[in-house]
Amino acid sequence: MYVLPHAPPPQPVQPAGDRFVESAVNNTLPALEPWPGLHRFRVSVRTPPPVQHGRQPPYVFDRETNKLYVDMIIAVTFAFRVAEGTDTTRLRVSALPVYPDMHHVNTPVRRCPTHRLPELECNNGAGSFIDHVIRAEHDDAVYQEGGTTKERRSVVVPYERPPPGTLDYLVSYRFCCMNTCVGGINRRRLMVLFTLEDSSTGEALGRQSVEVKVCKCPHRDARTDRSRALPKQRRPASSPDPQEPPSRRPCPAGRLVVEVDDMIEYDHLKAVLASFRAARRGLLRARSTSDSATPALPASVSSDTTSSERDSPAERRTLFKTEAP
């Protein structure tokens, strides 16, 4: 490399040592595609702990859609895993909330003004990270604010060696704002971007994501989303309608025949027919009785109402008197 005479010679880059290097994820537009990387980085959600009889687990994780349903401030245990034999002393995990939809991915995830109030119980001991949507239950957690506006807020924890007998490194996270909060997430889809990084350089070594819905009724919302995702069953246009009424065909004698499928339908229709015939006989009997009780009018009067209406009352009386039996 050519060095100008008036320029100072380049200084060698000193190793980071114990100083903290800011995550590169906070400074750029985050990538959302899963990437296990060289260390085969994986993330999963642990099953909720058992609860008392009659109570539901505190959160729901749908493995098919990779979506977590959880209430606010509920601790959710995430399991991180890398390839066996990986040196984890210089690794760390960054958790960054993002909006996965492309028309919102540029917008930083902010906490709503209501849940940022210091007097709230959920903010006791929050201190400088009161504006963060995600909190980590770890003593060495570091809260970062990156990006051009310093609103890309993430939490970073060191990747510690898993205990003997297990391959997963467990960390609990809490979500401090609802998906429906106005002035915050505001009903947008929320995703947590977990990035495996080199703690010395901040270089990304792996990436995974989990979609999260922070809501009051996790089980209800999970059932609703599953029902909406089910494909609608559509019958072919040529298939007969199962609700089509029974077919009828005329017989040579003039009768109508109703085809039924079993004896239950036959007995039911037989009872309906018997009831209908009894009601019709009663109606005809009542009509015949009322007709016999009403006196018959003369043919001349009944056939020409217009002329009878023109007759005077005296003429009508005479007419009835002369023709009366």
C-alpha atoms as a PDB file:
ATOM      1  CA  MET A   1       0.000   0.000   0.000  1.00  0.00           C
ATOM      2  CA  TYR A   2       1.366   3.430  -0.959  1.00  0.00           C
ATOM      3  CA  VAL A   3       1.529   5.959   1.902  1.00  0.00           C
ATOM      4  CA  LEU A   4       1.608   9.667   1.245  1.00  0.00           C
ATOM      5  CA  PRO A   5       4.599  11.446   2.804  1.00  0.00           C
ATOM      6  CA  HIS A   6       2.445  13.798   4.852  1.00  0.00           C
ATOM      7  CA  ALA A   7       0.037  11.085   6.041  1.00  0.00           C
ATOM      8  CA  PRO A   8       0.678   9.219   9.285  1.00  0.00           C
ATOM      9  CA  PRO A   9       1.382   5.521   8.870  1.00  0.00           C
ATOM     10  CA  PRO A  10      -1.632   3.274   9.426  1.00  0.00           C
ATOM     11  CA  GLN A  11      -1.949   1.905  12.907  1.00  0.00           C
ATOM     12  CA  PRO A  12      -2.646  -1.792  13.416  1.00  0.00           C
ATOM     13  CA  VAL A  13      -6.140  -2.645  14.612  1.00  0.00           C
ATOM     14  CA  GLN A  14      -6.075  -3.648  18.234  1.00  0.00           C
ATOM     15  CA  PRO A  15      -8.219  -6.605  19.331  1.00  0.00           C
ATOM     16  CA  ALA A  16     -11.459  -5.698  21.004  1.00  0.00           C
ATOM     17  CA  GLY A  17     -10.570  -7.412  24.240  1.00  0.00           C
ATOM     18  CA  ASP A  18     -13.172  -6.734  26.928  1.00  0.00           C
ATOM     19  CA  ARG A  19     -14.749  -3.726  25.245  1.00  0.00           C
ATOM     20  CA  PHE A  20     -18.210  -4.227  23.779  1.00  0.00           C
ATOM     21  CA  VAL A  21     -18.600  -3.984  19.992  1.00  0.00           C
ATOM     22  CA  GLU A  22     -21.968  -2.790  18.739  1.00  0.00           C
ATOM     23  CA  SER A  23     -23.946  -5.290  16.723  1.00  0.00           C
ATOM     24  CA  ALA A  24     -23.851  -4.751  12.975  1.00  0.00           C
ATOM     25  CA  VAL A  25     -27.517  -5.793  12.792  1.00  0.00           C
ATOM     26  CA  ASN A  26     -28.627  -2.516  14.363  1.00  0.00           C
ATOM     27  CA  ASN A  27     -26.858  -0.349  11.796  1.00  0.00           C
ATOM     28  CA  THR A  28     -28.317  -1.733   8.575  1.00  0.00           C
ATOM     29  CA  LEU A  29     -31.605  -2.892   7.153  1.00  0.00           C
ATOM     30  CA  PRO A  30     -32.042  -6.281   8.859  1.00  0.00           C
ATOM     31  CA  ALA A  31     -32.044  -9.430   6.756  1.00  0.00           C
ATOM     32  CA  LEU A  32     -34.945 -11.745   7.581  1.00  0.00           C
ATOM     33  CA  GLU A  33     -33.961 -14.947   5.768  1.00  0.00           C
ATOM     34  CA  PRO A  34     -32.984 -17.888   8.013  1.00  0.00           C
ATOM     35  CA  TRP A  35     -29.285 -18.619   7.847  1.00  0.00           C
ATOM     36  CA  PRO A  36     -27.755 -21.323  10.088  1.00  0.00           C
ATOM     37  CA  GLY A  37     -24.245 -20.327   9.071  1.00  0.00           C
ATOM     38  CA  LEU A  38     -21.045 -22.237   9.611  1.00  0.00           C
ATOM     39  CA  HIS A  39     -21.976 -23.077  13.215  1.00  0.00           C
ATOM     40  CA  ARG A  40     -25.448 -24.423  12.258  1.00  0.00           C
ATOM     41  CA  PHE A  41     -27.217 -21.954  14.511  1.00  0.00           C
ATOM     42  CA  ARG A  42     -30.751 -23.005  15.517  1.00  0.00           C
ATOM     43  CA  VAL A  43     -33.489 -21.476  17.688  1.00  0.00           C
ATOM     44  CA  SER A  44     -36.546 -23.115  19.232  1.00  0.00           C
ATOM     45  CA  VAL A  45     -39.159 -22.298  21.861  1.00  0.00           C
ATOM     46  CA  ARG A  46     -39.272 -24.560  24.887  1.00  0.00           C
ATOM     47  CA  THR A  47     -42.554 -26.110  26.005  1.00  0.00           C
ATOM     48  CA  PRO A  48     -44.210 -24.086  28.783  1.00  0.00           C
ATOM     49  CA  PRO A  49     -43.794 -25.437  32.309  1.00  0.00           C
ATOM     50  CA  PRO A  50     -46.672 -27.524  33.703  1.00  0.00           C
ATOM     51  CA  VAL A  51     -49.509 -25.589  35.305  1.00  0.00           C
ATOM     52  CA  GLN A  52     -52.203 -26.392  37.827  1.00  0.00           C
ATOM     53  CA  HIS A  53     -55.199 -28.454  36.811  1.00  0.00           C
ATOM     54  CA  GLY A  54     -57.775 -26.390  34.957  1.00  0.00           C
ATOM     55  CA  ARG A  55     -55.353 -23.645  33.927  1.00  0.00           C
ATOM     56  CA  GLN A  56     -53.874 -23.079  30.491  1.00  0.00           C
ATOM     57  CA  PRO A  57     -50.139 -22.768  29.761  1.00  0.00           C
ATOM     58  CA  PRO A  58     -48.864 -19.175  29.731  1.00  0.00           C
ATOM     59  CA  TYR A  59     -47.989 -19.194  26.031  1.00  0.00           C
ATOM     60  CA  VAL A  60     -48.511 -21.157  22.818  1.00  0.00           C
ATOM     61  CA  PHE A  61     -45.952 -21.926  20.124  1.00  0.00           C
ATOM     62  CA  ASP A  62     -47.159 -23.151  16.735  1.00  0.00           C
ATOM     63  CA  ARG A  63     -44.330 -25.155  15.171  1.00  0.00           C
ATOM     64  CA  GLU A  64     -45.973 -25.305  11.742  1.00  0.00           C
ATOM     65  CA  THR A  65     -46.099 -21.524  11.373  1.00  0.00           C
ATOM     66  CA  ASN A  66     -43.125 -20.807  13.680  1.00  0.00           C
ATOM     67  CA  LYS A  67     -45.281 -18.330  15.593  1.00  0.00           C
ATOM     68  CA  LEU A  68     -45.374 -17.584  19.321  1.00  0.00           C
ATOM     69  CA  TYR A  69     -48.516 -16.390  21.129  1.00  0.00           C
ATOM     70  CA  VAL A  70     -47.843 -14.906  24.542  1.00  0.00           C
ATOM     71  CA  ASP A  71     -49.182 -12.366  26.976  1.00  0.00           C
ATOM     72  CA  MET A  72     -47.212  -9.310  27.986  1.00  0.00           C
ATOM     73  CA  ILE A  73     -44.374  -9.681  30.559  1.00  0.00           C
ATOM     74  CA  ILE A  74     -44.587 -13.493  30.452  1.00  0.00           C
ATOM     75  CA  ALA A  75     -41.156 -15.148  30.448  1.00  0.00           C
ATOM     76  CA  VAL A  76     -40.649 -17.340  27.378  1.00  0.00           C
ATOM     77  CA  THR A  77     -37.689 -19.726  27.281  1.00  0.00           C
ATOM     78  CA  PHE A  78     -35.787 -19.890  23.989  1.00  0.00           C
ATOM     79  CA  ALA A  79     -33.279 -22.645  23.252  1.00  0.00           C
ATOM     80  CA  PHE A  80     -30.181 -21.854  21.169  1.00  0.00           C
ATOM     81  CA  ARG A  81     -27.990 -24.535  19.667  1.00  0.00           C
ATOM     82  CA  VAL A  82     -24.799 -24.599  17.612  1.00  0.00           C
ATOM     83  CA  ALA A  83     -22.784 -27.418  16.104  1.00  0.00           C
ATOM     84  CA  GLU A  84     -20.995 -29.714  18.509  1.00  0.00           C
ATOM     85  CA  GLY A  85     -17.403 -28.752  19.171  1.00  0.00           C
ATOM     86  CA  THR A  86     -17.966 -25.040  18.510  1.00  0.00           C
ATOM     87  CA  ASP A  87     -15.945 -22.686  20.681  1.00  0.00           C
ATOM     88  CA  THR A  88     -18.628 -20.561  22.350  1.00  0.00           C
ATOM     89  CA  THR A  89     -16.325 -18.297  24.359  1.00  0.00           C
ATOM     90  CA  ARG A  90     -16.436 -15.568  21.697  1.00  0.00           C
ATOM     91  CA  LEU A  91     -20.077 -15.938  20.672  1.00  0.00           C
ATOM     92  CA  ARG A  92     -23.125 -13.955  21.639  1.00  0.00           C
ATOM     93  CA  VAL A  93     -26.817 -13.825  20.653  1.00  0.00           C
ATOM     94  CA  SER A  94     -28.611 -10.633  19.648  1.00  0.00           C
ATOM     95  CA  ALA A  95     -32.435 -10.371  19.808  1.00  0.00           C
ATOM     96  CA  LEU A  96     -33.858  -7.593  17.635  1.00  0.00           C
ATOM     97  CA  PRO A  97     -37.608  -6.938  17.115  1.00  0.00           C
ATOM     98  CA  VAL A  98     -38.501  -6.129  13.510  1.00  0.00           C
ATOM     99  CA  TYR A  99     -41.550  -5.834  11.274  1.00  0.00           C
ATOM    100  CA  PRO A 100     -41.383  -8.622   8.646  1.00  0.00           C
ATOM    101  CA  ASP A 101     -43.720  -6.966   6.134  1.00  0.00           C
ATOM    102  CA  MET A 102     -41.699  -5.199   3.464  1.00  0.00           C
ATOM    103  CA  HIS A 103     -43.664  -1.945   3.708  1.00  0.00           C
ATOM    104  CA  HIS A 104     -42.816  -1.730   7.445  1.00  0.00           C
ATOM    105  CA  VAL A 105     -39.364  -3.318   7.618  1.00  0.00           C
ATOM    106  CA  ASN A 106     -37.685   0.108   7.574  1.00  0.00           C
ATOM    107  CA  THR A 107     -39.656   1.220  10.643  1.00  0.00           C
ATOM    108  CA  PRO A 108     -37.999   0.557  14.020  1.00  0.00           C
ATOM    109  CA  VAL A 109     -40.107  -1.251  16.604  1.00  0.00           C
ATOM    110  CA  ARG A 110     -40.996   1.248  19.313  1.00  0.00           C
ATOM    111  CA  ARG A 111     -42.684   0.768  22.636  1.00  0.00           C
ATOM    112  CA  CYS A 112     -46.011   2.573  23.040  1.00  0.00           C
ATOM    113  CA  PRO A 113     -46.241   5.689  25.291  1.00  0.00           C
ATOM    114  CA  THR A 114     -48.621   3.955  27.717  1.00  0.00           C
ATOM    115  CA  HIS A 115     -46.276   1.096  28.573  1.00  0.00           C
ATOM    116  CA  ARG A 116     -43.254   3.415  28.769  1.00  0.00           C
ATOM    117  CA  LEU A 117     -44.570   5.137  31.888  1.00  0.00           C
ATOM    118  CA  PRO A 118     -42.022   4.698  34.710  1.00  0.00           C
ATOM    119  CA  GLU A 119     -44.717   4.267  37.369  1.00  0.00           C
ATOM    120  CA  LEU A 120     -45.983   1.016  35.853  1.00  0.00           C
ATOM    121  CA  GLU A 121     -45.190  -2.128  37.796  1.00  0.00           C
ATOM    122  CA  CYS A 122     -43.703  -3.793  34.719  1.00  0.00           C
ATOM    123  CA  ASN A 123     -41.106  -1.005  34.528  1.00  0.00           C
ATOM    124  CA  ASN A 124     -39.747  -1.420  38.048  1.00  0.00           C
ATOM    125  CA  GLY A 125     -35.983  -1.573  37.743  1.00  0.00           C
ATOM    126  CA  ALA A 126     -36.083  -1.029  33.975  1.00  0.00           C
ATOM    127  CA  GLY A 127     -33.823   1.998  34.179  1.00  0.00           C
ATOM    128  CA  SER A 128     -32.215   2.918  30.881  1.00  0.00           C
ATOM    129  CA  PHE A 129     -33.843   0.115  28.881  1.00  0.00           C
ATOM    130  CA  ILE A 130     -37.430   1.180  29.575  1.00  0.00           C
ATOM    131  CA  ASP A 131     -37.921   1.861  25.842  1.00  0.00           C
ATOM    132  CA  HIS A 132     -36.979  -1.674  24.800  1.00  0.00           C
ATOM    133  CA  VAL A 133     -39.742  -4.023  23.671  1.00  0.00           C
ATOM    134  CA  ILE A 134     -37.692  -7.164  24.460  1.00  0.00           C
ATOM    135  CA  ARG A 135     -35.946  -7.878  27.750  1.00  0.00           C
ATOM    136  CA  ALA A 136     -33.636 -10.768  28.540  1.00  0.00           C
ATOM    137  CA  GLU A 137     -33.546 -12.572  31.877  1.00  0.00           C
ATOM    138  CA  HIS A 138     -29.753 -12.578  32.028  1.00  0.00           C
ATOM    139  CA  ASP A 139     -27.357 -10.844  34.384  1.00  0.00           C
ATOM    140  CA  ASP A 140     -24.935  -9.968  31.573  1.00  0.00           C
ATOM    141  CA  ALA A 141     -27.541  -8.727  29.103  1.00  0.00           C
ATOM    142  CA  VAL A 142     -26.571  -5.564  27.218  1.00  0.00           C
ATOM    143  CA  TYR A 143     -29.223  -3.299  25.691  1.00  0.00           C
ATOM    144  CA  GLN A 144     -28.252  -1.556  22.483  1.00  0.00           C
ATOM    145  CA  GLU A 145     -29.707   1.359  20.551  1.00  0.00           C
ATOM    146  CA  GLY A 146     -28.472   1.469  16.968  1.00  0.00           C
ATOM    147  CA  GLY A 147     -29.461   2.664  13.543  1.00  0.00           C
ATOM    148  CA  THR A 148     -29.450   6.168  12.130  1.00  0.00           C
ATOM    149  CA  THR A 149     -32.099   7.316  14.634  1.00  0.00           C
ATOM    150  CA  LYS A 150     -30.832   5.159  17.513  1.00  0.00           C
ATOM    151  CA  GLU A 151     -34.212   3.408  17.627  1.00  0.00           C
ATOM    152  CA  ARG A 152     -33.140  -0.065  16.558  1.00  0.00           C
ATOM    153  CA  ARG A 153     -33.237  -1.459  20.074  1.00  0.00           C
ATOM    154  CA  SER A 154     -31.904  -4.942  20.719  1.00  0.00           C
ATOM    155  CA  VAL A 155     -30.691  -6.990  23.659  1.00  0.00           C
ATOM    156  CA  VAL A 156     -27.482  -9.051  23.516  1.00  0.00           C
ATOM    157  CA  VAL A 157     -26.493 -11.939  25.792  1.00  0.00           C
ATOM    158  CA  PRO A 158     -23.266 -13.960  25.760  1.00  0.00           C
ATOM    159  CA  TYR A 159     -23.499 -17.487  24.405  1.00  0.00           C
ATOM    160  CA  GLU A 160     -22.581 -19.644  27.364  1.00  0.00           C
ATOM    161  CA  ARG A 161     -21.647 -23.283  27.259  1.00  0.00           C
ATOM    162  CA  PRO A 162     -24.733 -25.476  27.863  1.00  0.00           C
ATOM    163  CA  PRO A 163     -24.835 -27.523  31.054  1.00  0.00           C
ATOM    164  CA  PRO A 164     -23.620 -31.123  30.893  1.00  0.00           C
ATOM    165  CA  GLY A 165     -26.118 -33.489  29.344  1.00  0.00           C
ATOM    166  CA  THR A 166     -27.759 -30.951  27.043  1.00  0.00           C
ATOM    167  CA  LEU A 167     -26.924 -29.226  23.779  1.00  0.00           C
ATOM    168  CA  ASP A 168     -29.187 -26.203  24.196  1.00  0.00           C
ATOM    169  CA  TYR A 169     -28.345 -22.871  25.742  1.00  0.00           C
ATOM    170  CA  LEU A 170     -31.509 -21.476  27.388  1.00  0.00           C
ATOM    171  CA  VAL A 171     -32.414 -17.804  27.752  1.00  0.00           C
ATOM    172  CA  SER A 172     -35.754 -16.354  28.874  1.00  0.00           C
ATOM    173  CA  TYR A 173     -37.173 -13.244  27.212  1.00  0.00           C
ATOM    174  CA  ARG A 174     -40.107 -10.994  28.080  1.00  0.00           C
ATOM    175  CA  PHE A 175     -42.121  -8.848  25.683  1.00  0.00           C
ATOM    176  CA  CYS A 176     -43.068  -5.465  27.099  1.00  0.00           C
ATOM    177  CA  CYS A 177     -45.671  -4.194  24.617  1.00  0.00           C
ATOM    178  CA  MET A 178     -48.786  -5.585  22.937  1.00  0.00           C
ATOM    179  CA  ASN A 179     -49.254  -6.038  19.218  1.00  0.00           C
ATOM    180  CA  THR A 180     -52.381  -3.879  19.412  1.00  0.00           C
ATOM    181  CA  CYS A 181     -50.783  -0.931  21.224  1.00  0.00           C
ATOM    182  CA  VAL A 182     -51.502   2.396  19.522  1.00  0.00           C
ATOM    183  CA  GLY A 183     -48.349   4.440  19.090  1.00  0.00           C
ATOM    184  CA  GLY A 184     -46.222   1.305  19.220  1.00  0.00           C
ATOM    185  CA  ILE A 185     -46.547  -1.916  17.233  1.00  0.00           C
ATOM    186  CA  ASN A 186     -50.052  -0.834  16.203  1.00  0.00           C
ATOM    187  CA  ARG A 187     -51.371  -4.199  14.910  1.00  0.00           C
ATOM    188  CA  ARG A 188     -48.389  -4.888  12.681  1.00  0.00           C
ATOM    189  CA  ARG A 189     -46.791  -8.301  12.405  1.00  0.00           C
ATOM    190  CA  LEU A 190     -43.878  -8.670  14.814  1.00  0.00           C
ATOM    191  CA  MET A 191     -40.814 -10.851  14.415  1.00  0.00           C
ATOM    192  CA  VAL A 192     -37.805 -11.402  16.661  1.00  0.00           C
ATOM    193  CA  LEU A 193     -34.531 -11.707  14.786  1.00  0.00           C
ATOM    194  CA  PHE A 194     -31.950 -13.820  16.650  1.00  0.00           C
ATOM    195  CA  THR A 195     -28.416 -13.360  15.339  1.00  0.00           C
ATOM    196  CA  LEU A 196     -25.358 -15.350  16.355  1.00  0.00           C
ATOM    197  CA  GLU A 197     -22.431 -12.915  16.426  1.00  0.00           C
ATOM    198  CA  ASP A 198     -18.746 -12.764  17.089  1.00  0.00           C
ATOM    199  CA  SER A 199     -18.424 -10.816  20.326  1.00  0.00           C
ATOM    200  CA  SER A 200     -15.071  -9.335  19.257  1.00  0.00           C
ATOM    201  CA  THR A 201     -16.005  -7.975  15.845  1.00  0.00           C
ATOM    202  CA  GLY A 202     -19.816  -7.960  15.844  1.00  0.00           C
ATOM    203  CA  GLU A 203     -19.828 -10.076  12.683  1.00  0.00           C
ATOM    204  CA  ALA A 204     -22.995 -12.081  12.059  1.00  0.00           C
ATOM    205  CA  LEU A 205     -22.347 -15.835  12.038  1.00  0.00           C
ATOM    206  CA  GLY A 206     -25.916 -17.160  11.890  1.00  0.00           C
ATOM    207  CA  ARG A 207     -29.504 -15.958  11.898  1.00  0.00           C
ATOM    208  CA  GLN A 208     -32.945 -17.309  12.796  1.00  0.00           C
ATOM    209  CA  SER A 209     -36.324 -15.681  13.431  1.00  0.00           C
ATOM    210  CA  VAL A 210     -39.573 -16.333  15.298  1.00  0.00           C
ATOM    211  CA  GLU A 211     -42.833 -14.493  14.688  1.00  0.00           C
ATOM    212  CA  VAL A 212     -44.470 -13.248  17.892  1.00  0.00           C
ATOM    213  CA  LYS A 213     -47.965 -12.090  18.741  1.00  0.00           C
ATOM    214  CA  VAL A 214     -48.219 -10.436  22.153  1.00  0.00           C
ATOM    215  CA  CYS A 215     -51.891 -10.590  23.118  1.00  0.00           C
ATOM    216  CA  LYS A 216     -54.224 -11.011  26.082  1.00  0.00           C
ATOM    217  CA  CYS A 217     -55.649 -14.388  24.981  1.00  0.00           C
ATOM    218  CA  PRO A 218     -52.844 -16.428  23.392  1.00  0.00           C
ATOM    219  CA  HIS A 219     -54.835 -19.669  23.143  1.00  0.00           C
ATOM    220  CA  ARG A 220     -57.862 -17.993  21.557  1.00  0.00           C
ATOM    221  CA  ASP A 221     -55.755 -16.133  18.979  1.00  0.00           C
ATOM    222  CA  ALA A 222     -53.816 -19.294  18.154  1.00  0.00           C
ATOM    223  CA  ARG A 223     -57.056 -21.217  17.511  1.00  0.00           C
ATOM    224  CA  THR A 224     -58.387 -18.360  15.375  1.00  0.00           C
ATOM    225  CA  ASP A 225     -55.253 -18.244  13.227  1.00  0.00           C
ATOM    226  CA  ARG A 226     -55.312 -22.026  12.762  1.00  0.00           C
ATOM    227  CA  SER A 227     -58.946 -21.985  11.632  1.00  0.00           C
ATOM    228  CA  ARG A 228     -58.226 -19.204   9.154  1.00  0.00           C
ATOM    229  CA  ALA A 229     -55.283 -21.097   7.742  1.00  0.00           C
ATOM    230  CA  LEU A 230     -57.331 -24.231   7.007  1.00  0.00           C
ATOM    231  CA  PRO A 231     -58.062 -24.589   3.273  1.00  0.00           C
ATOM    232  CA  LYS A 232     -61.687 -24.142   2.334  1.00  0.00           C
ATOM    233  CA  GLN A 233     -63.287 -27.349   1.112  1.00  0.00           C
ATOM    234  CA  ARG A 234     -64.787 -26.773  -2.323  1.00  0.00           C
ATOM    235  CA  ARG A 235     -66.880 -29.365  -4.106  1.00  0.00           C
ATOM    236  CA  PRO A 236     -66.550 -29.825  -7.885  1.00  0.00           C
ATOM    237  CA  ALA A 237     -69.220 -28.150  -9.963  1.00  0.00           C
ATOM    238  CA  SER A 238     -70.427 -31.507 -11.277  1.00  0.00           C
ATOM    239  CA  SER A 239     -70.974 -33.058  -7.852  1.00  0.00           C
ATOM    240  CA  PRO A 240     -74.585 -33.133  -6.615  1.00  0.00           C
ATOM    241  CA  ASP A 241     -75.609 -30.875  -3.794  1.00  0.00           C
ATOM    242  CA  PRO A 242     -76.075 -32.939  -0.603  1.00  0.00           C
ATOM    243  CA  GLN A 243     -78.820 -30.534   0.507  1.00  0.00           C
ATOM    244  CA  GLU A 244     -80.865 -31.098  -2.678  1.00  0.00           C
ATOM    245  CA  PRO A 245     -84.503 -32.000  -1.854  1.00  0.00           C
ATOM    246  CA  PRO A 246     -85.727 -35.529  -2.617  1.00  0.00           C
ATOM    247  CA  SER A 247     -86.613 -36.098  -6.227  1.00  0.00           C
ATOM    248  CA  ARG A 248     -90.270 -36.576  -7.250  1.00  0.00           C
ATOM    249  CA  ARG A 249     -91.592 -38.337 -10.322  1.00  0.00           C
ATOM    250  CA  PRO A 250     -95.218 -38.729 -11.463  1.00  0.00           C
ATOM    251  CA  CYS A 251     -96.736 -42.199 -11.674  1.00  0.00           C
ATOM    252  CA  PRO A 252     -99.144 -43.336 -14.405  1.00  0.00           C
ATOM    253  CA  ALA A 253    -102.043 -43.252 -11.903  1.00  0.00           C
ATOM    254  CA  GLY A 254    -101.465 -39.564 -11.220  1.00  0.00           C
ATOM    255  CA  ARG A 255     -99.869 -40.045  -7.840  1.00  0.00           C
ATOM    256  CA  LEU A 256     -96.512 -38.592  -6.738  1.00  0.00           C
ATOM    257  CA  VAL A 257     -93.759 -40.737  -5.305  1.00  0.00           C
ATOM    258  CA  VAL A 258     -91.179 -39.349  -2.849  1.00  0.00           C
ATOM    259  CA  GLU A 259     -87.961 -41.336  -2.670  1.00  0.00           C
ATOM    260  CA  VAL A 260     -86.358 -41.688   0.780  1.00  0.00           C
ATOM    261  CA  ASP A 261     -83.031 -43.132   1.882  1.00  0.00           C
ATOM    262  CA  ASP A 262     -83.969 -45.032   5.033  1.00  0.00           C
ATOM    263  CA  MET A 263     -86.804 -46.066   7.321  1.00  0.00           C
ATOM    264  CA  ILE A 264     -86.343 -43.037   9.569  1.00  0.00           C
ATOM    265  CA  GLU A 265     -87.233 -40.670   6.752  1.00  0.00           C
ATOM    266  CA  TYR A 266     -90.081 -42.961   5.684  1.00  0.00           C
ATOM    267  CA  ASP A 267     -91.656 -43.035   9.167  1.00  0.00           C
ATOM    268  CA  HIS A 268     -91.261 -39.276   9.517  1.00  0.00           C
ATOM    269  CA  LEU A 269     -92.900 -38.510   6.170  1.00  0.00           C
ATOM    270  CA  LYS A 270     -95.640 -41.049   6.891  1.00  0.00           C
ATOM    271  CA  ALA A 271     -96.492 -39.278  10.154  1.00  0.00           C
ATOM    272  CA  VAL A 272     -96.482 -35.894   8.413  1.00  0.00           C
ATOM    273  CA  LEU A 273     -98.806 -37.219   5.702  1.00  0.00           C
ATOM    274  CA  ALA A 274    -101.236 -38.670   8.251  1.00  0.00           C
ATOM    275  CA  SER A 275    -101.316 -35.379  10.154  1.00  0.00           C
ATOM    276  CA  PHE A 276    -101.862 -33.418   6.946  1.00  0.00           C
ATOM    277  CA  ARG A 277    -104.733 -35.664   5.829  1.00  0.00           C
ATOM    278  CA  ALA A 278    -106.448 -35.402   9.218  1.00  0.00           C
ATOM    279  CA  ALA A 279    -106.146 -31.619   9.157  1.00  0.00           C
ATOM    280  CA  ARG A 280    -107.510 -31.471   5.614  1.00  0.00           C
ATOM    281  CA  ARG A 281    -110.527 -33.637   6.525  1.00  0.00           C
ATOM    282  CA  GLY A 282    -111.280 -31.389   9.476  1.00  0.00           C
ATOM    283  CA  LEU A 283    -111.048 -28.298   7.297  1.00  0.00           C
ATOM    284  CA  LEU A 284    -113.402 -29.749   4.668  1.00  0.00           C
ATOM    285  CA  ARG A 285    -115.883 -30.806   7.368  1.00  0.00           C
ATOM    286  CA  ALA A 286    -115.874 -27.310   8.854  1.00  0.00           C
ATOM    287  CA  ARG A 287    -116.451 -25.745   5.451  1.00  0.00           C
ATOM    288  CA  SER A 288    -119.381 -28.057   4.665  1.00  0.00           C
ATOM    289  CA  THR A 289    -120.984 -27.275   8.015  1.00  0.00           C
ATOM    290  CA  SER A 290    -120.702 -23.520   7.493  1.00  0.00           C
ATOM    291  CA  ASP A 291    -122.093 -23.786   3.948  1.00  0.00           C
ATOM    292  CA  SER A 292    -125.183 -25.710   5.102  1.00  0.00           C
ATOM    293  CA  ALA A 293    -125.920 -23.164   7.833  1.00  0.00           C
ATOM    294  CA  THR A 294    -125.895 -20.186   5.393  1.00  0.00           C
ATOM    295  CA  PRO A 295    -129.244 -19.611   3.520  1.00  0.00           C
ATOM    296  CA  ALA A 296    -128.995 -19.732  -0.245  1.00  0.00           C
ATOM    297  CA  LEU A 297    -129.695 -16.517  -2.127  1.00  0.00           C
ATOM    298  CA  PRO A 298    -132.042 -16.382  -5.092  1.00  0.00           C
ATOM    299  CA  ALA A 299    -130.439 -16.980  -8.428  1.00  0.00           C
ATOM    300  CA  SER A 300    -131.463 -13.597  -9.765  1.00  0.00           C
ATOM    301  CA  VAL A 301    -129.911 -11.776  -6.827  1.00  0.00           C
ATOM    302  CA  SER A 302    -126.701 -13.780  -6.648  1.00  0.00           C
ATOM    303  CA  SER A 303    -126.104 -13.554 -10.367  1.00  0.00           C
ATOM    304  CA  ASP A 304    -126.593  -9.815 -10.715  1.00  0.00           C
ATOM    305  CA  THR A 305    -125.379  -7.864  -7.715  1.00  0.00           C
ATOM    306  CA  THR A 306    -125.316  -4.623  -9.614  1.00  0.00           C
ATOM    307  CA  SER A 307    -129.026  -4.709 -10.309  1.00  0.00           C
ATOM    308  CA  SER A 308    -129.897  -5.701  -6.719  1.00  0.00           C
ATOM    309  CA  GLU A 309    -127.866  -2.826  -5.383  1.00  0.00           C
ATOM    310  CA  ARG A 310    -129.943  -0.461  -7.512  1.00  0.00           C
ATOM    311  CA  ASP A 311    -133.247  -1.787  -6.067  1.00  0.00           C
ATOM    312  CA  SER A 312    -134.809   0.049  -3.164  1.00  0.00           C
ATOM    313  CA  PRO A 313    -135.108  -1.597   0.283  1.00  0.00           C
ATOM    314  CA  ALA A 314    -138.892  -2.002  -0.219  1.00  0.00           C
ATOM    315  CA  GLU A 315    -138.431  -3.825  -3.490  1.00  0.00           C
ATOM    316  CA  ARG A 316    -135.845  -6.138  -1.942  1.00  0.00           C
ATOM    317  CA  ARG A 317    -138.223  -6.954   0.926  1.00  0.00           C
ATOM    318  CA  THR A 318    -140.984  -7.730  -1.540  1.00  0.00           C
ATOM    319  CA  LEU A 319    -138.703  -9.919  -3.553  1.00  0.00           C
ATOM    320  CA  PHE A 320    -137.679 -11.996  -0.581  1.00  0.00           C
ATOM    321  CA  LYS A 321    -141.275 -12.169   0.664  1.00  0.00           C
ATOM    322  CA  THR A 322    -142.742 -13.394  -2.588  1.00  0.00           C
ATOM    323  CA  GLU A 323    -140.046 -15.931  -3.211  1.00  0.00           C
ATOM    324  CA  ALA A 324    -139.739 -17.172   0.315  1.00  0.00           C
ATOM    325  CA  PRO A 325    -140.947 -20.793   0.793  1.00  0.00           C
END
